[in-house]
Protein backbone atom coordinates (compact mmCIF):
# COMPACT_ATOMS: atom_id res chain seq x y z
CA MET A 1 1.10 -9.52 -19.52
CA PHE A 2 2.29 -9.24 -15.76
CA VAL A 3 2.35 -5.26 -14.58
CA ASP A 4 3.65 -5.76 -11.13
CA ILE A 5 3.49 -1.63 -11.01
CA ALA A 6 1.26 1.13 -12.19
CA LYS A 7 0.40 4.88 -11.02
CA ILE A 8 -2.42 6.31 -10.71
CA LYS A 9 -4.25 9.46 -9.08
CA ILE A 10 -6.91 9.24 -7.32
CA THR A 11 -9.95 12.40 -6.07
CA ALA A 12 -12.15 12.18 -3.65
CA GLY A 13 -16.00 13.49 -4.10
CA ASP A 14 -15.73 17.11 -2.58
CA GLY A 15 -18.65 17.50 0.00
CA GLY A 16 -21.87 19.31 -1.01
CA ASN A 17 -22.44 22.80 -0.42
CA GLY A 18 -25.40 23.95 2.81
CA ALA A 19 -28.34 25.98 2.20
CA VAL A 20 -29.53 29.19 2.73
CA ALA A 21 -33.36 28.70 2.37
CA PHE A 22 -35.63 30.08 5.40
CA ARG A 23 -39.60 28.26 5.93
CA ARG A 24 -42.19 30.28 3.82
CA GLU A 25 -45.26 28.41 4.94
CA LYS A 26 -48.53 30.36 5.92
CA TYR A 27 -49.73 31.23 9.09
CA VAL A 28 -46.66 30.62 10.07
CA ALA A 29 -44.86 34.03 11.31
CA ALA A 30 -41.00 33.58 10.99
CA GLY A 31 -40.02 30.47 10.48
CA GLY A 32 -36.57 31.21 10.72
CA PRO A 33 -33.69 29.53 8.24
CA ASP A 34 -34.84 25.74 7.89
CA GLY A 35 -31.27 25.18 5.13
CA GLY A 36 -30.00 21.70 5.42
CA ASP A 37 -26.71 20.51 5.15
CA GLY A 38 -24.49 19.70 2.61
CA GLY A 39 -23.78 15.53 1.83
CA ARG A 40 -20.01 14.15 2.19
CA GLY A 41 -18.26 13.21 -0.39
CA GLY A 42 -17.39 9.33 -1.86
CA ASN A 43 -14.25 7.75 -0.34
CA VAL A 44 -12.02 6.59 -2.74
CA VAL A 45 -11.59 3.05 -0.90
CA PHE A 46 -9.09 0.21 -2.44
CA LYS A 47 -10.80 -3.12 -1.53
CA VAL A 48 -8.20 -6.64 -2.40
CA ASN A 49 -9.95 -9.44 -4.92
CA ASP A 50 -8.20 -13.12 -5.21
CA ASN A 51 -9.45 -13.12 -8.66
CA LEU A 52 -6.72 -10.56 -10.03
CA SER A 53 -2.71 -11.30 -10.10
CA THR A 54 -2.16 -8.31 -12.18
CA LEU A 55 -2.14 -4.00 -11.87
CA ALA A 56 -2.79 -4.53 -15.86
CA ASP A 57 -5.90 -2.86 -15.98
CA PHE A 58 -3.80 0.67 -14.32
CA ARG A 59 -2.63 0.23 -17.20
CA TYR A 60 -5.83 2.25 -20.07
CA LYS A 61 -6.99 4.38 -16.53
CA ARG A 62 -5.00 6.15 -14.39
CA LYS A 63 -7.45 9.04 -12.96
CA TYR A 64 -10.74 8.34 -10.83
CA LYS A 65 -12.63 10.43 -8.69
CA ALA A 66 -15.81 9.89 -6.92
CA PRO A 67 -18.96 11.02 -7.03
CA ASN A 68 -19.04 14.80 -5.18
CA GLY A 69 -22.06 14.95 -2.21
CA ALA A 70 -25.43 16.61 -3.10
CA PRO A 71 -25.82 20.64 -1.46
CA GLY A 72 -28.11 20.59 0.84
CA GLN A 73 -32.24 21.41 0.52
CA SER A 74 -34.93 24.17 2.36
CA GLY A 75 -36.59 22.09 4.90
CA HIS A 76 -33.41 20.74 7.27
CA LYS A 77 -32.71 18.16 4.44
CA SER A 78 -29.69 17.62 3.87
CA GLY A 79 -27.55 16.93 0.69
CA LYS A 80 -27.16 12.91 -0.94
CA LYS A 81 -24.03 11.51 0.59
CA GLY A 82 -21.93 10.91 -2.45
CA GLU A 83 -21.58 6.87 -3.42
CA ASP A 84 -17.73 5.67 -2.28
CA LEU A 85 -15.45 4.80 -5.33
CA ILE A 86 -14.35 0.31 -4.65
CA ILE A 87 -10.88 -0.02 -6.35
CA GLU A 88 -10.09 -3.88 -6.27
CA VAL A 89 -6.60 -4.68 -5.58
CA PRO A 90 -4.49 -8.05 -6.67
CA ARG A 91 -3.37 -9.15 -2.31
CA GLY A 92 0.14 -7.98 -1.77
CA THR A 93 -0.23 -4.37 -2.94
CA ILE A 94 1.49 -1.39 -1.38
CA ILE A 95 0.23 1.84 -1.53
CA ARG A 96 2.70 4.66 -1.83
CA GLU A 97 1.86 8.85 -2.25
CA GLN A 98 4.17 8.67 -5.08
CA THR A 99 6.36 12.54 -3.80
CA THR A 100 7.10 11.38 -0.88
CA GLY A 101 7.13 7.37 -1.14
CA LYS A 102 5.40 6.53 1.58
CA VAL A 103 3.32 3.76 2.36
CA MET A 104 -0.37 4.92 3.06
CA ALA A 105 -1.05 0.97 2.75
CA ASP A 106 -0.27 -2.48 2.18
CA MET A 107 -3.16 -4.86 0.43
CA SER A 108 -2.17 -8.50 1.80
CA ASP A 109 -5.50 -8.60 4.81
CA ASP A 110 -8.82 -8.47 3.82
CA ASP A 111 -9.39 -5.18 5.52
CA GLU A 112 -10.29 -2.29 3.39
CA PHE A 113 -8.92 0.84 2.65
CA ILE A 114 -9.44 4.27 2.58
CA ALA A 115 -7.34 6.42 0.64
CA ALA A 116 -9.28 9.14 -0.15
CA LYS A 117 -11.25 10.54 2.14
CA GLY A 118 -14.12 12.55 0.32
CA GLY A 119 -14.97 16.50 1.69
CA ARG A 120 -16.96 17.33 4.27
CA GLY A 121 -20.92 19.20 3.67
CA GLY A 122 -21.32 22.01 4.45
CA TRP A 123 -23.41 23.36 6.70
CA GLY A 124 -26.75 25.54 6.09
CA ASN A 125 -27.99 28.38 7.62
CA SER A 126 -29.83 26.78 10.22
CA HIS A 127 -26.79 26.05 12.20
CA PHE A 128 -25.59 30.11 12.04
CA LYS A 129 -29.15 30.87 14.29
CA THR A 130 -28.47 32.94 17.23
CA PRO A 131 -30.29 34.78 19.51
CA THR A 132 -29.03 38.38 18.05
CA ARG A 133 -28.54 36.79 14.69
CA GLN A 134 -32.34 35.19 13.95
CA THR A 135 -31.22 34.82 9.75
CA PRO A 136 -28.58 34.06 8.96
CA ARG A 137 -28.02 34.76 5.18
CA PHE A 138 -25.08 32.52 4.39
CA ALA A 139 -23.89 28.61 4.78
CA LYS A 140 -20.74 26.95 4.72
CA PRO A 141 -19.31 25.79 1.36
CA GLY A 142 -18.67 21.79 1.16
CA THR A 143 -14.31 20.90 1.88
CA PRO A 144 -13.40 18.97 -1.15
CA GLY A 145 -11.96 15.88 -1.09
CA GLU A 146 -8.34 15.05 -1.07
CA SER A 147 -6.60 13.70 -3.82
CA TRP A 148 -3.84 12.17 -4.16
CA ASP A 149 -0.86 10.72 -6.97
CA VAL A 150 -0.42 6.89 -5.28
CA SER A 151 1.83 4.07 -7.16
CA LEU A 152 0.81 0.30 -6.15
CA GLU A 153 3.28 -1.78 -6.12
CA LEU A 154 2.13 -5.46 -6.41
CA LYS A 155 4.75 -7.99 -4.38
CA LEU A 156 4.01 -11.31 -3.80
CA LEU A 157 2.75 -12.72 -1.03
CA ALA A 158 3.85 -15.97 -1.01
CA ASP A 159 6.51 -17.92 2.63
CA VAL A 160 9.35 -19.05 0.23
CA GLY A 161 11.05 -17.85 -3.19
CA LEU A 162 12.55 -20.02 -5.61
CA LEU A 163 15.53 -18.54 -6.55
CA GLY A 164 18.48 -19.66 -10.12
CA PHE A 165 19.34 -18.42 -12.86
CA PRO A 166 17.36 -19.73 -15.87
CA ASN A 167 17.03 -23.45 -16.62
CA VAL A 168 18.40 -24.51 -13.55
CA GLY A 169 15.32 -26.37 -12.84
CA LYS A 170 12.76 -24.20 -11.01
CA SER A 171 9.47 -24.29 -13.29
CA THR A 172 9.62 -28.06 -12.85
CA LEU A 173 10.24 -28.40 -9.10
CA ILE A 174 7.20 -26.48 -8.17
CA SER A 175 4.64 -28.14 -10.82
CA VAL A 176 5.72 -31.35 -8.65
CA VAL A 177 5.65 -30.01 -5.40
CA SER A 178 2.46 -27.95 -6.00
CA GLU A 179 -0.89 -28.05 -8.12
CA ALA A 180 1.58 -24.92 -9.69
CA LYS A 181 1.55 -25.89 -14.15
CA PRO A 182 4.51 -23.03 -15.41
CA ILE A 183 5.90 -23.61 -18.68
CA ILE A 184 7.95 -25.78 -18.63
CA ALA A 185 10.90 -25.93 -21.71
CA ASP A 186 14.59 -26.16 -22.35
CA TYR A 187 15.46 -22.60 -23.63
CA HIS A 188 15.96 -19.85 -21.03
CA PHE A 189 13.81 -17.36 -19.89
CA THR A 190 10.77 -19.74 -20.38
CA THR A 191 9.08 -18.17 -16.95
CA LEU A 192 7.73 -14.45 -17.41
CA THR A 193 4.86 -13.80 -14.71
CA PRO A 194 5.54 -14.60 -11.38
CA VAL A 195 4.48 -18.63 -11.02
CA LEU A 196 2.75 -19.43 -7.12
CA GLY A 197 1.92 -23.07 -5.88
CA VAL A 198 0.92 -24.45 -2.51
CA VAL A 199 2.55 -27.31 -1.25
CA SER A 200 0.75 -29.00 0.86
CA MET A 201 2.16 -30.84 3.76
CA GLY A 202 -1.10 -32.40 5.33
CA GLU A 203 -4.57 -31.42 6.73
CA GLY A 204 -3.86 -27.84 7.93
CA ASN A 205 -0.25 -27.69 7.15
CA SER A 206 0.71 -26.29 3.61
CA PHE A 207 3.02 -22.92 2.43
CA VAL A 208 3.15 -21.24 -0.94
CA MET A 209 6.20 -20.87 -2.74
CA ALA A 210 6.97 -18.62 -5.53
CA ASP A 211 8.84 -19.30 -9.04
CA ILE A 212 10.48 -15.68 -9.35
CA PRO A 213 11.81 -16.05 -12.92
CA GLY A 214 14.14 -14.44 -14.55
CA LEU A 215 17.39 -13.70 -12.54
CA ILE A 216 21.42 -13.12 -14.13
CA GLU A 217 23.93 -11.31 -13.47
CA GLY A 218 22.83 -7.22 -13.59
CA ALA A 219 19.09 -8.15 -12.37
CA SER A 220 19.49 -5.26 -10.38
CA ASP A 221 20.64 -2.77 -13.12
CA GLY A 222 17.58 -4.23 -15.45
CA VAL A 223 19.26 -7.24 -17.62
CA GLY A 224 17.01 -10.07 -18.53
CA LEU A 225 14.02 -9.88 -16.55
CA GLY A 226 15.15 -10.13 -12.60
CA HIS A 227 14.79 -5.78 -12.84
CA GLU A 228 11.02 -6.25 -12.86
CA PHE A 229 10.80 -9.74 -10.58
CA LEU A 230 13.42 -8.48 -7.79
CA ARG A 231 10.65 -7.38 -5.89
CA HIS A 232 8.65 -10.17 -4.71
CA VAL A 233 11.21 -11.09 -3.40
CA GLU A 234 11.29 -8.68 -0.60
CA ARG A 235 8.34 -11.04 1.68
CA CYS A 236 9.77 -14.37 0.95
CA ARG A 237 10.85 -15.98 4.34
CA LEU A 238 12.90 -18.15 3.57
CA LEU A 239 14.95 -18.73 -0.07
CA VAL A 240 15.46 -22.34 -1.99
CA HIS A 241 18.24 -21.11 -4.05
CA ILE A 242 18.75 -24.05 -6.24
CA ILE A 243 22.04 -24.78 -8.06
CA ASP A 244 22.50 -27.38 -11.73
CA ALA A 245 25.16 -29.78 -10.65
CA ALA A 246 26.70 -30.45 -13.34
CA GLY A 247 27.12 -27.42 -14.96
CA SER A 248 25.80 -28.33 -18.29
CA GLU A 249 24.61 -25.56 -19.69
CA GLY A 250 28.81 -24.34 -19.47
CA ARG A 251 28.19 -22.05 -15.78
CA ASP A 252 29.78 -23.22 -12.24
CA PRO A 253 27.27 -23.51 -10.12
CA ILE A 254 29.26 -21.88 -7.17
CA GLU A 255 29.70 -18.73 -9.23
CA ASP A 256 25.87 -18.80 -10.09
CA PHE A 257 24.87 -18.80 -6.91
CA ASN A 258 27.40 -15.53 -5.48
CA LYS A 259 26.11 -13.82 -8.48
CA ILE A 260 22.74 -14.06 -8.18
CA ASN A 261 22.51 -13.14 -4.33
CA GLU A 262 25.09 -9.81 -5.17
CA GLU A 263 22.51 -9.01 -7.15
CA LEU A 264 19.36 -9.48 -4.51
CA VAL A 265 22.05 -8.03 -1.75
CA LYS A 266 22.59 -4.67 -4.56
CA PHE A 267 18.36 -4.17 -4.88
CA ASN A 268 17.78 -4.92 -1.47
CA SER A 269 20.74 -5.18 1.22
CA ASP A 270 17.57 -6.48 3.61
CA MET A 271 17.47 -9.87 1.66
CA ALA A 272 21.00 -10.49 3.02
CA ASP A 273 19.35 -11.70 5.85
CA LEU A 274 16.70 -14.27 3.87
CA PRO A 275 17.61 -17.14 5.54
CA GLN A 276 18.92 -19.83 2.34
CA ILE A 277 18.62 -23.25 1.78
CA VAL A 278 21.19 -24.99 -0.87
CA VAL A 279 19.47 -27.66 -3.91
CA GLY A 280 21.46 -29.08 -6.79
CA ASN A 281 19.52 -30.26 -9.53
CA LYS A 282 20.78 -32.24 -12.20
CA VAL A 283 22.23 -34.47 -10.33
CA ASP A 284 21.95 -37.23 -13.11
CA LEU A 285 24.41 -35.69 -15.36
CA ALA A 286 26.92 -34.47 -12.91
CA THR A 287 30.32 -36.78 -11.42
CA ASP A 288 30.25 -37.50 -8.31
CA GLU A 289 33.29 -34.59 -7.92
CA GLN A 290 31.64 -32.08 -8.73
CA LEU A 291 28.40 -33.41 -6.44
CA GLU A 292 31.49 -33.13 -3.65
CA LYS A 293 32.66 -29.96 -4.33
CA LEU A 294 29.12 -28.29 -4.04
CA GLU A 295 28.19 -30.03 -0.73
CA LYS A 296 31.17 -28.84 0.83
CA TYR A 297 31.70 -25.44 -0.08
CA PHE A 298 27.88 -24.85 0.95
CA THR A 299 27.85 -27.41 4.08
CA GLU A 300 31.90 -25.30 5.63
CA ARG A 301 29.54 -21.93 5.44
CA GLY A 302 27.22 -23.22 6.54
CA TYR A 303 23.80 -24.14 4.28
CA GLN A 304 21.46 -26.21 4.65
CA TYR A 305 22.65 -28.37 1.27
CA PHE A 306 19.61 -31.04 -1.29
CA THR A 307 20.39 -32.51 -4.77
CA MET A 308 17.19 -33.45 -6.60
CA CYS A 309 16.69 -34.76 -10.19
CA ALA A 310 13.85 -32.81 -10.30
CA PRO A 311 11.57 -34.10 -13.64
CA ILE A 312 11.75 -37.84 -11.38
CA ALA A 313 10.95 -35.99 -8.19
CA GLU A 314 13.97 -37.91 -6.90
CA GLY A 315 15.26 -35.63 -3.53
CA THR A 316 12.13 -33.25 -3.91
CA GLN A 317 10.44 -34.75 -0.82
CA GLU A 318 13.47 -34.13 1.27
CA ILE A 319 14.06 -30.43 -0.11
CA ILE A 320 9.96 -29.39 0.99
CA ASN A 321 10.55 -30.92 4.63
CA ALA A 322 13.56 -29.45 5.44
CA VAL A 323 11.84 -25.94 4.48
CA ALA A 324 8.05 -26.88 6.27
CA ALA A 325 10.48 -27.57 9.51
CA LYS A 326 12.53 -24.44 8.52
CA LEU A 327 9.34 -22.18 8.40
CA ALA A 328 7.84 -22.34 11.94
CA THR A 329 10.96 -21.22 12.93
CA LEU A 330 10.52 -18.00 10.96
CA PRO A 331 8.42 -15.32 11.57
CA PRO A 332 5.45 -14.36 9.71
CA ILE A 333 5.80 -12.66 6.11
CA LYS A 334 6.37 -9.58 6.05
CA ARG A 335 4.29 -6.79 6.34
CA TYR A 336 4.69 -2.78 5.57
CA GLU A 337 3.46 -0.79 8.53
CA LYS A 338 1.67 2.89 7.13
CA GLU A 339 4.49 5.63 7.28
CA GLU A 340 3.87 9.13 8.17
CA ILE A 341 2.88 11.63 5.65
CA PRO A 342 5.23 14.38 6.98
CA ALA A 343 3.60 17.87 7.26
CA GLU A 344 6.79 19.92 4.75
CA PHE A 345 4.78 18.13 1.93
CA PHE A 346 0.97 19.32 2.42
CA GLU A 347 2.83 22.84 3.17
CA LYS A 348 5.23 22.50 -0.03
CA ASN A 349 2.73 21.59 -1.99
CA ALA A 350 -0.43 24.45 -0.73
CA ASP A 351 2.37 27.38 -0.08
CA GLY A 352 1.87 26.87 2.92
CA LYS A 353 -1.23 29.71 2.94
CA PHE A 354 -4.18 29.73 6.03
CA THR A 355 -6.78 32.10 7.15
CA ILE A 356 -7.62 33.03 10.34
CA THR A 357 -10.69 34.69 10.54
CA VAL A 358 -12.46 35.70 13.96
CA GLN A 359 -16.57 35.89 14.31
CA ASP A 360 -18.81 36.12 17.26
CA GLY A 361 -15.47 34.92 19.19
CA ILE A 362 -14.54 32.08 16.98
CA TYR A 363 -11.24 32.17 15.36
CA SER A 364 -11.55 30.47 12.20
CA VAL A 365 -8.55 28.22 11.04
CA GLU A 366 -8.46 27.43 6.71
CA GLY A 367 -6.15 25.91 4.44
CA GLU A 368 -6.14 23.47 1.88
CA TRP A 369 -2.70 21.92 2.75
CA LEU A 370 -4.09 21.66 6.94
CA LEU A 371 -7.66 20.68 5.63
CA ARG A 372 -5.25 17.24 3.52
CA ILE A 373 -3.90 17.13 7.33
CA LEU A 374 -6.73 17.00 8.76
CA GLN A 375 -8.03 14.75 6.74
CA ARG A 376 -5.87 12.70 8.16
CA CYS A 377 -5.79 12.21 11.29
CA ASP A 378 -7.68 9.86 13.94
CA LEU A 379 -7.73 12.67 16.56
CA ASP A 380 -8.87 9.72 19.07
CA ASP A 381 -5.32 8.61 18.86
CA TYR A 382 -3.14 9.87 20.98
CA GLU A 383 0.20 10.28 18.76
CA SER A 384 -1.79 11.25 16.22
CA LEU A 385 -2.68 14.72 17.84
CA GLN A 386 0.17 15.14 18.98
CA TYR A 387 1.53 14.45 14.95
CA PHE A 388 -1.74 17.48 14.54
CA GLN A 389 -0.46 19.72 17.56
CA ARG A 390 2.87 19.64 16.05
CA VAL A 391 2.32 21.13 13.24
CA LEU A 392 0.03 24.05 14.23
CA HIS A 393 2.87 24.88 16.63
CA SER A 394 5.42 24.32 12.91
CA SER A 395 3.28 26.20 10.95
CA GLY A 396 2.79 29.24 12.62
CA ILE A 397 -0.01 29.30 13.19
CA ILE A 398 0.15 29.07 16.69
CA ASP A 399 1.51 32.45 16.92
CA ALA A 400 -0.60 34.39 13.89
CA LEU A 401 -3.51 33.30 16.23
CA VAL A 402 -1.84 34.88 18.64
CA GLU A 403 -1.59 37.73 16.59
CA LYS A 404 -5.57 38.11 16.49
CA GLY A 405 -5.31 37.92 20.33
CA ILE A 406 -6.53 35.05 21.11
CA GLN A 407 -6.94 34.44 24.87
CA GLU A 408 -6.86 31.49 26.67
CA GLY A 409 -10.14 29.55 26.87
CA ASP A 410 -10.79 30.47 23.57
CA THR A 411 -13.49 28.76 21.48
CA VAL A 412 -10.45 27.57 17.84
CA GLU A 413 -12.93 26.24 14.29
CA ILE A 414 -10.20 23.99 12.19
CA TYR A 415 -13.46 22.69 9.57
CA ASP A 416 -15.81 20.78 11.97
CA LEU A 417 -12.69 20.23 15.02
CA GLU A 418 -13.55 22.81 17.66
CA PHE A 419 -11.30 23.25 20.75
CA ASP A 420 -10.39 25.42 23.08
CA PHE A 421 -7.21 27.14 22.92
CA VAL A 422 -4.05 26.20 24.69
CA PRO A 423 -1.02 28.68 24.67
């Protein structure tokens, strides 16, 4: 079964707790604290596997949890890190946060994506030894790993999408011009899943063509099979729209053409801007009058128009040459950019609560939602740093620090992040 959308829950491993321990050795007086740090929790990592073509595996398993980090030990021994959990998906999978719908990653290249970061290991008590505190009897607990409800949506990576009503010849064309072997029969909805074929135009020059099945009137509302597969048209750089030039099934090919374009726009208005080449198939059954009418209609509206008899490959080479020439002028396949998840999402899911404690002149700020934002930020990136600063202001953390009496130059600690306060 072809499955191109799934919803799962992913949870990274928690960090191990820091250890409270003291060196106890014969002939060593006042050995001091030697508790080790906890290990980092395992990450949840998505990786592309080109041997996968659907998201069917996620129908049976919906919760994924990475191992926790081990606690620290005496003798300054750090706990073992939790192993990363690798989740493999087909190329072209979009990962979104379910509630906001924001894009977390587009798995269209070979780069791995850390979707949920493991919690940091807590510090052992050896970190807290000071000249005035020789025997600290406390350590930091590990922080929790990130947890997300995500939706996976597969959008095929194809340069060219074949459109048309059922039984107009899409599968026949792709079987003639590529090595794809779709099922071909003279009944509707023979093609139940998208079919990809690589069209070779000579050494080092090829493109990917996709047969998009089941598009009929009402497809954007769930009629036929089109509701399932319209999303796969979104990435295409060029559409080849095939019509039955002879109207052999009692339909008007011009009406068919307009109806499918209306469904594309209803599903995603951006699709109206996708370039199209129109192909009239079954010319062996059409009259000269029908062929002249179609050519006039489409050329007057600025479309490149071709005719073919797909089963005997008549006219197919001219179509492929025109497709290759058009692709050379178009931008590459669409990639979805990562989107920032708003701070309000984190605050809402944890009531925006935070605590501030002051110890040895250090102002420590903690809050589960704040940790999740910090884990998502790359503080070496200027825009990401600016975003985190805005969060501190909008959430009231800065005002709360001022109320606690913080002064310019005092140290603020937010989990493993430390910085000097600047009002």
